[in-house]
N, C-alpha and C. Protein backbone atom coordinates (compact mmCIF):
# COMPACT_ATOMS: atom_id res chain seq x y z
N MET A 1 -10.94 -9.62 0.64
CA MET A 1 -9.43 -9.90 0.48
C MET A 1 -8.73 -8.20 0.38
N VAL A 2 -7.69 -8.26 1.32
CA VAL A 2 -6.99 -6.76 1.98
C VAL A 2 -6.69 -6.07 0.44
N GLY A 3 -6.87 -5.07 0.71
CA GLY A 3 -5.92 -4.47 -0.74
C GLY A 3 -5.06 -3.84 -0.25
N ILE A 4 -4.12 -3.44 -1.19
CA ILE A 4 -2.95 -3.07 -1.08
C ILE A 4 -2.96 -1.63 -1.67
N VAL A 5 -2.17 -0.67 -1.23
CA VAL A 5 -2.02 0.57 -2.07
C VAL A 5 -0.32 0.89 -1.44
N ILE A 6 0.12 1.15 -3.27
CA ILE A 6 1.49 1.38 -2.82
C ILE A 6 1.67 2.95 -2.62
N VAL A 7 2.30 4.11 -1.71
CA VAL A 7 2.78 5.15 -2.15
C VAL A 7 4.69 5.55 -2.54
N SER A 8 4.77 5.76 -3.82
CA SER A 8 5.72 6.70 -3.64
C SER A 8 5.55 8.22 -3.92
N HIS A 9 6.91 8.47 -3.90
CA HIS A 9 7.15 10.01 -4.21
C HIS A 9 6.95 10.05 -6.14
N SER A 10 7.85 8.81 -6.50
CA SER A 10 7.66 8.88 -8.12
C SER A 10 6.38 7.93 -8.21
N LYS A 11 5.55 8.52 -9.45
CA LYS A 11 4.50 7.56 -10.04
C LYS A 11 4.94 6.20 -10.60
N LYS A 12 6.20 6.48 -11.27
CA LYS A 12 7.02 5.32 -12.05
C LYS A 12 7.20 4.21 -11.54
N LEU A 13 7.42 4.28 -9.98
CA LEU A 13 8.47 3.06 -9.08
C LEU A 13 6.72 2.70 -8.82
N ALA A 14 6.15 3.40 -8.29
CA ALA A 14 4.36 3.13 -7.89
C ALA A 14 4.00 1.91 -8.75
N GLU A 15 3.65 2.40 -10.19
CA GLU A 15 3.57 1.81 -10.65
C GLU A 15 4.39 0.60 -11.50
N GLY A 16 5.76 0.08 -10.93
CA GLY A 16 6.85 -0.79 -11.36
C GLY A 16 5.91 -1.43 -9.62
N ILE A 17 6.27 -1.20 -9.01
CA ILE A 17 6.05 -2.16 -7.92
C ILE A 17 4.75 -2.94 -8.10
N LYS A 18 3.73 -1.97 -8.70
CA LYS A 18 2.19 -2.78 -8.47
C LYS A 18 2.47 -3.86 -9.98
N GLU A 19 3.12 -3.48 -10.63
CA GLU A 19 3.18 -4.09 -12.00
C GLU A 19 4.13 -5.98 -11.63
N LEU A 20 4.97 -5.74 -11.13
CA LEU A 20 6.17 -6.62 -10.36
C LEU A 20 5.20 -7.63 -9.20
N THR A 21 4.49 -6.91 -8.48
CA THR A 21 3.27 -7.17 -7.23
C THR A 21 2.17 -7.92 -8.01
N GLN A 22 1.62 -7.50 -9.01
CA GLN A 22 0.63 -8.00 -9.68
C GLN A 22 0.96 -9.62 -9.89
N GLN A 23 1.92 -9.97 -10.25
CA GLN A 23 2.65 -11.23 -11.12
C GLN A 23 2.43 -12.22 -10.29
N MET A 24 2.35 -12.31 -8.83
CA MET A 24 2.33 -12.69 -7.77
C MET A 24 0.57 -12.83 -7.08
N ALA A 25 -0.27 -11.74 -7.07
CA ALA A 25 -1.46 -11.74 -6.73
C ALA A 25 -2.33 -12.43 -7.59
N ASP A 26 -3.56 -13.10 -6.61
CA ASP A 26 -4.55 -13.34 -6.75
C ASP A 26 -5.48 -12.27 -7.96
N ARG A 27 -6.30 -12.69 -8.99
CA ARG A 27 -6.40 -11.56 -9.74
C ARG A 27 -7.46 -10.74 -8.99
N GLN A 28 -8.50 -11.21 -8.22
CA GLN A 28 -9.40 -10.19 -6.87
C GLN A 28 -8.88 -9.40 -6.72
N LEU A 29 -7.52 -9.58 -6.06
CA LEU A 29 -6.85 -8.93 -5.26
C LEU A 29 -6.62 -7.02 -5.97
N ARG A 30 -7.01 -6.15 -4.85
CA ARG A 30 -6.88 -4.91 -5.34
C ARG A 30 -5.87 -4.31 -5.24
N ILE A 31 -4.58 -3.82 -6.25
CA ILE A 31 -3.12 -3.57 -5.99
C ILE A 31 -3.14 -1.79 -6.60
N ILE A 32 -3.55 -0.87 -5.51
CA ILE A 32 -3.64 0.71 -6.16
C ILE A 32 -2.17 1.13 -6.13
N ALA A 33 -1.72 1.78 -6.85
CA ALA A 33 -0.76 2.35 -7.36
C ALA A 33 -0.95 4.41 -7.10
N ALA A 34 -0.53 4.83 -5.58
CA ALA A 34 -0.26 6.23 -5.49
C ALA A 34 0.78 6.80 -5.92
N GLY A 35 1.35 6.92 -6.62
CA GLY A 35 2.87 7.74 -6.90
C GLY A 35 2.87 9.14 -7.63
N GLY A 36 3.47 9.93 -6.96
CA GLY A 36 3.64 11.20 -7.72
C GLY A 36 2.72 11.85 -7.67
N MET A 37 3.08 13.25 -7.95
CA MET A 37 1.56 14.56 -7.70
C MET A 37 0.69 14.24 -9.30
N GLU A 38 -0.41 15.02 -9.09
CA GLU A 38 -1.69 14.83 -10.39
C GLU A 38 -0.30 15.35 -11.38
N GLU A 39 0.02 16.42 -11.30
CA GLU A 39 1.00 17.06 -13.00
C GLU A 39 1.79 15.99 -12.99
N GLY A 40 2.33 15.32 -12.46
CA GLY A 40 3.55 14.14 -12.93
C GLY A 40 4.84 14.06 -12.06
N THR A 41 4.81 15.54 -11.05
CA THR A 41 6.43 15.59 -10.61
C THR A 41 6.37 14.93 -9.61
N LEU A 42 7.14 14.87 -8.44
CA LEU A 42 7.94 14.08 -7.88
C LEU A 42 7.29 14.06 -6.85
N GLY A 43 6.47 14.04 -5.56
CA GLY A 43 5.86 13.82 -4.88
C GLY A 43 5.14 13.06 -4.17
N THR A 44 3.94 13.45 -2.99
CA THR A 44 2.72 12.39 -2.36
C THR A 44 1.70 13.35 -2.54
N ASP A 45 0.46 12.66 -2.52
CA ASP A 45 -0.86 13.88 -2.43
C ASP A 45 -1.30 13.00 -1.47
N SER A 46 -2.55 13.80 -0.82
CA SER A 46 -2.69 12.68 0.48
C SER A 46 -4.27 12.46 -0.52
N ILE A 47 -4.74 13.40 -1.50
CA ILE A 47 -5.78 13.46 -1.85
C ILE A 47 -5.91 11.75 -3.00
N LYS A 48 -5.01 12.39 -3.66
CA LYS A 48 -4.64 11.35 -4.59
C LYS A 48 -4.62 9.80 -3.81
N ILE A 49 -3.80 9.39 -2.58
CA ILE A 49 -3.67 8.43 -1.55
C ILE A 49 -5.07 7.82 -0.96
N SER A 50 -6.26 9.09 -0.47
CA SER A 50 -7.07 8.57 -0.15
C SER A 50 -7.96 8.32 -1.32
N LYS A 51 -7.85 8.37 -2.29
CA LYS A 51 -8.91 7.76 -3.80
C LYS A 51 -8.47 6.38 -3.75
N ALA A 52 -7.09 6.10 -3.81
CA ALA A 52 -6.54 4.64 -3.79
C ALA A 52 -6.98 3.79 -3.07
N ILE A 53 -7.18 4.32 -1.70
CA ILE A 53 -7.74 3.88 -0.31
C ILE A 53 -8.94 3.14 -0.59
N LEU A 54 -9.83 3.94 -0.87
CA LEU A 54 -11.42 3.54 -1.22
C LEU A 54 -11.38 2.88 -2.65
N GLU A 55 -10.48 3.19 -3.84
CA GLU A 55 -10.51 2.28 -5.12
C GLU A 55 -9.88 0.47 -4.65
N ALA A 56 -9.01 0.46 -3.26
CA ALA A 56 -8.37 -0.83 -2.95
C ALA A 56 -9.50 -1.60 -2.31
N ASP A 57 -10.20 -0.73 -1.11
CA ASP A 57 -11.14 -1.22 -0.37
C ASP A 57 -11.89 -2.21 -0.58
N THR A 58 -11.89 -3.49 0.08
CA THR A 58 -13.39 -4.31 -0.56
C THR A 58 -14.01 -4.87 0.51
N GLY A 59 -13.38 -4.20 1.94
CA GLY A 59 -14.56 -4.11 2.93
C GLY A 59 -13.96 -4.80 4.08
N ASP A 60 -12.34 -5.39 3.54
CA ASP A 60 -11.05 -6.41 4.70
C ASP A 60 -10.49 -5.59 5.19
N GLY A 61 -10.83 -4.62 4.33
CA GLY A 61 -8.95 -3.43 5.18
C GLY A 61 -8.24 -3.14 3.58
N VAL A 62 -7.14 -2.50 4.20
CA VAL A 62 -6.47 -2.00 3.09
C VAL A 62 -5.08 -1.79 4.24
N VAL A 63 -3.96 -2.23 3.28
CA VAL A 63 -2.14 -2.44 3.90
C VAL A 63 -1.59 -1.17 2.87
N VAL A 64 -1.04 0.17 3.10
CA VAL A 64 -0.57 1.05 2.59
C VAL A 64 0.77 1.00 2.95
N LEU A 65 1.36 0.60 1.85
CA LEU A 65 2.81 0.65 1.47
C LEU A 65 3.59 1.99 1.46
N VAL A 66 4.99 2.18 2.20
CA VAL A 66 4.96 4.26 1.47
C VAL A 66 6.75 3.94 1.34
N ASP A 67 7.33 4.50 0.57
CA ASP A 67 9.03 4.69 0.31
C ASP A 67 9.56 5.42 1.06
N LEU A 68 9.06 6.57 1.31
CA LEU A 68 10.29 7.08 1.93
C LEU A 68 9.21 8.23 3.43
N GLY A 69 9.68 9.09 4.42
CA GLY A 69 9.08 9.52 5.59
C GLY A 69 7.92 10.56 4.97
N SER A 70 8.07 11.61 4.29
CA SER A 70 7.40 12.15 4.01
C SER A 70 6.10 11.50 3.42
N GLY A 71 6.08 10.78 2.72
CA GLY A 71 5.09 9.96 2.05
C GLY A 71 4.16 9.42 3.27
N ILE A 72 4.58 8.81 4.50
CA ILE A 72 3.84 8.58 5.17
C ILE A 72 3.58 9.41 6.18
N LEU A 73 3.79 10.83 6.31
CA LEU A 73 2.40 11.97 6.35
C LEU A 73 1.74 12.23 5.34
N SER A 74 1.98 12.08 4.07
CA SER A 74 0.74 12.08 3.62
C SER A 74 -0.23 11.12 3.59
N ALA A 75 0.41 9.89 3.88
CA ALA A 75 -0.89 8.83 4.07
C ALA A 75 -1.32 8.43 5.30
N GLU A 76 -0.58 9.69 6.16
CA GLU A 76 -1.35 9.43 7.62
C GLU A 76 -2.59 10.19 7.58
N THR A 77 -2.01 11.36 6.28
CA THR A 77 -3.11 12.57 6.40
C THR A 77 -4.70 11.97 5.54
N ALA A 78 -3.99 11.28 4.26
CA ALA A 78 -5.50 10.51 3.35
C ALA A 78 -6.02 10.06 4.49
N ILE A 79 -5.46 8.97 5.47
CA ILE A 79 -6.37 8.15 6.23
C ILE A 79 -7.52 9.18 6.76
N GLU A 80 -6.64 10.39 8.00
CA GLU A 80 -7.62 11.07 7.95
C GLU A 80 -8.61 12.00 7.68
N LEU A 81 -8.72 12.21 5.74
CA LEU A 81 -9.70 12.61 5.07
C LEU A 81 -10.73 11.79 4.93
N LEU A 82 -10.59 10.25 5.30
CA LEU A 82 -11.81 9.56 5.21
C LEU A 82 -12.38 9.28 6.44
N ASP A 83 -13.83 8.43 6.12
CA ASP A 83 -15.06 8.51 7.02
C ASP A 83 -14.35 7.80 8.41
N GLU A 84 -14.73 8.21 9.20
CA GLU A 84 -14.02 7.29 10.86
C GLU A 84 -14.67 5.87 10.65
N GLU A 85 -15.29 5.23 9.64
CA GLU A 85 -15.05 3.61 9.68
C GLU A 85 -14.05 3.44 9.04
N TYR A 86 -12.94 4.18 8.34
CA TYR A 86 -11.81 3.79 8.02
C TYR A 86 -10.76 3.29 8.79
N PHE A 87 -10.77 4.20 9.89
CA PHE A 87 -9.72 4.02 10.81
C PHE A 87 -9.09 3.48 11.38
N ASN A 88 -9.73 2.12 11.52
CA ASN A 88 -9.32 0.60 11.96
C ASN A 88 -9.01 0.11 10.95
N THR A 89 -9.56 0.15 9.30
CA THR A 89 -9.01 -0.94 8.43
C THR A 89 -8.47 -0.48 7.55
N VAL A 90 -7.74 0.37 7.49
CA VAL A 90 -6.56 1.29 6.97
C VAL A 90 -5.36 0.95 7.98
N LYS A 91 -4.29 0.32 7.53
CA LYS A 91 -2.91 0.51 7.90
C LYS A 91 -1.77 0.39 7.34
N ILE A 92 -0.71 1.75 7.79
CA ILE A 92 0.37 2.04 7.36
C ILE A 92 1.55 0.84 7.37
N ALA A 93 2.01 0.16 6.83
CA ALA A 93 3.26 -1.26 6.90
C ALA A 93 4.20 0.03 7.43
N ASP A 94 4.93 -0.47 8.52
CA ASP A 94 5.68 -0.48 8.64
C ASP A 94 7.43 -1.24 8.08
N ALA A 95 7.24 -1.09 6.75
CA ALA A 95 8.20 -2.14 5.42
C ALA A 95 8.99 -1.77 4.70
N PRO A 96 9.74 -2.14 4.35
CA PRO A 96 10.09 -1.75 3.22
C PRO A 96 9.59 -1.61 1.50
N ILE A 97 9.51 -0.87 0.97
CA ILE A 97 8.06 -0.60 0.38
C ILE A 97 8.23 -2.11 -0.98
N VAL A 98 9.27 -2.38 -1.53
CA VAL A 98 9.08 -3.50 -2.68
C VAL A 98 9.46 -4.74 -1.87
N GLU A 99 10.30 -5.04 -0.77
CA GLU A 99 9.65 -6.50 -0.58
C GLU A 99 8.87 -6.48 0.92
N GLY A 100 8.38 -5.55 0.81
CA GLY A 100 7.04 -5.59 1.72
C GLY A 100 5.91 -5.49 1.10
N ALA A 101 6.01 -4.76 -0.32
CA ALA A 101 4.73 -4.74 -1.05
C ALA A 101 4.40 -6.23 -1.69
N VAL A 102 5.33 -7.30 -2.00
CA VAL A 102 5.92 -8.28 -2.31
C VAL A 102 4.94 -9.44 -1.78
N ILE A 103 5.52 -9.63 -0.25
CA ILE A 103 5.01 -10.21 1.12
C ILE A 103 3.82 -9.90 1.14
N ALA A 104 2.93 -8.75 1.30
CA ALA A 104 1.98 -8.57 1.64
C ALA A 104 1.18 -8.98 0.49
N VAL A 105 1.31 -8.81 -0.99
CA VAL A 105 0.26 -9.08 -1.88
C VAL A 105 0.38 -10.79 -1.67
N ILE A 106 1.41 -11.43 -1.24
CA ILE A 106 1.32 -12.60 -1.37
C ILE A 106 0.19 -13.34 -0.41
N GLN A 107 0.46 -12.72 0.67
CA GLN A 107 -0.11 -12.70 2.05
C GLN A 107 -1.66 -12.57 1.90
N ALA A 108 -1.82 -11.01 1.41
CA ALA A 108 -3.41 -10.67 0.84
C ALA A 108 -4.03 -12.05 0.29
N SER A 109 -3.46 -12.37 -1.22
CA SER A 109 -3.65 -13.64 -2.17
C SER A 109 -3.84 -14.80 -1.50
N LEU A 110 -3.62 -14.90 0.03
CA LEU A 110 -3.47 -16.24 0.09
C LEU A 110 -5.20 -16.22 1.57
N GLY A 111 -6.02 -14.88 0.95
CA GLY A 111 -6.35 -14.82 2.18
C GLY A 111 -6.64 -14.43 3.57
N GLY A 112 -5.20 -14.13 3.93
CA GLY A 112 -4.66 -13.42 5.28
C GLY A 112 -5.73 -12.35 5.68
N THR A 113 -5.72 -12.00 6.99
CA THR A 113 -5.95 -10.77 7.44
C THR A 113 -5.77 -9.68 7.75
N LEU A 114 -6.47 -8.47 7.56
CA LEU A 114 -5.51 -6.96 7.45
C LEU A 114 -3.83 -6.92 8.92
N ALA A 115 -4.38 -7.95 9.87
CA ALA A 115 -3.39 -8.05 10.78
C ALA A 115 -2.37 -8.89 10.45
N GLU A 116 -2.42 -10.17 8.99
CA GLU A 116 -1.87 -11.05 9.17
C GLU A 116 -0.95 -10.29 8.03
N VAL A 117 -1.61 -9.46 6.75
CA VAL A 117 -1.41 -8.74 6.16
C VAL A 117 -0.05 -7.86 6.42
N ILE A 118 -0.11 -7.34 7.51
CA ILE A 118 0.61 -5.66 8.14
C ILE A 118 1.88 -6.66 8.79
N HIS A 119 1.52 -7.96 9.56
CA HIS A 119 2.97 -8.49 10.13
C HIS A 119 3.85 -9.25 8.93
N ALA A 120 3.16 -9.96 8.10
CA ALA A 120 4.15 -10.21 6.70
C ALA A 120 4.51 -9.05 6.30
N ALA A 121 4.23 -8.58 5.54
CA ALA A 121 4.64 -6.89 5.19
C ALA A 121 6.06 -6.48 6.36
N GLU A 122 6.11 -6.25 7.18
CA GLU A 122 6.86 -6.01 8.01
C GLU A 122 7.59 -7.06 8.43
N GLU A 123 7.31 -8.50 8.38
CA GLU A 123 8.77 -9.40 8.52
C GLU A 123 9.42 -9.06 7.34
N ALA A 124 9.35 -8.43 6.41
CA ALA A 124 10.22 -8.14 5.53
C ALA A 124 11.05 -6.99 5.58
N ARG A 125 11.00 -6.75 6.60
CA ARG A 125 12.23 -5.73 7.15
C ARG A 125 14.08 -6.44 7.32
N GLY A 126 13.49 -7.92 8.30
CA GLY A 126 14.42 -8.55 8.58
C GLY A 126 15.18 -9.33 7.24
N MET A 127 14.20 -9.78 5.93
CA MET A 127 14.57 -10.24 5.28
C MET A 127 16.54 -10.09 4.80
N GLN A 128 17.15 -10.76 4.80
CA GLN A 128 18.90 -10.67 4.31
C GLN A 128 18.52 -11.15 2.60
N LYS A 129 19.94 -10.89 1.76
CA LYS A 129 19.61 -10.60 0.54
C LYS A 129 20.59 -11.79 -0.22
N LEU A 130 21.62 -11.33 0.73
CA LEU A 130 22.53 -12.54 0.45
C LEU A 130 23.35 -13.65 1.76
């Protein structure tokens, strides 16, 4: 099953999105929140994100969802810190973090491939709320 990592500058925001998405997830799906800095301040930490990716990985790949621009840089660095074997199986989705995470979790829970989970998350960019 494709794992999900939620990267936010805020630990509380990442944990909240994890809590929300777990309500829709298969119990075996690994959703890992990687928010904030180790000391509890706002920010993103590449080491923390790398550890989250390894924890989320079950062998089918990992989709990373990110809140803001510098979080993308941290997530890219986190992937670079991993062994080369992960370079093709860990992908950052260009998706809104909440809607993208919800859709990614549903697709992953249905057994979607890495490409299918990324595609589903990225489709959330066009979702209308009204």
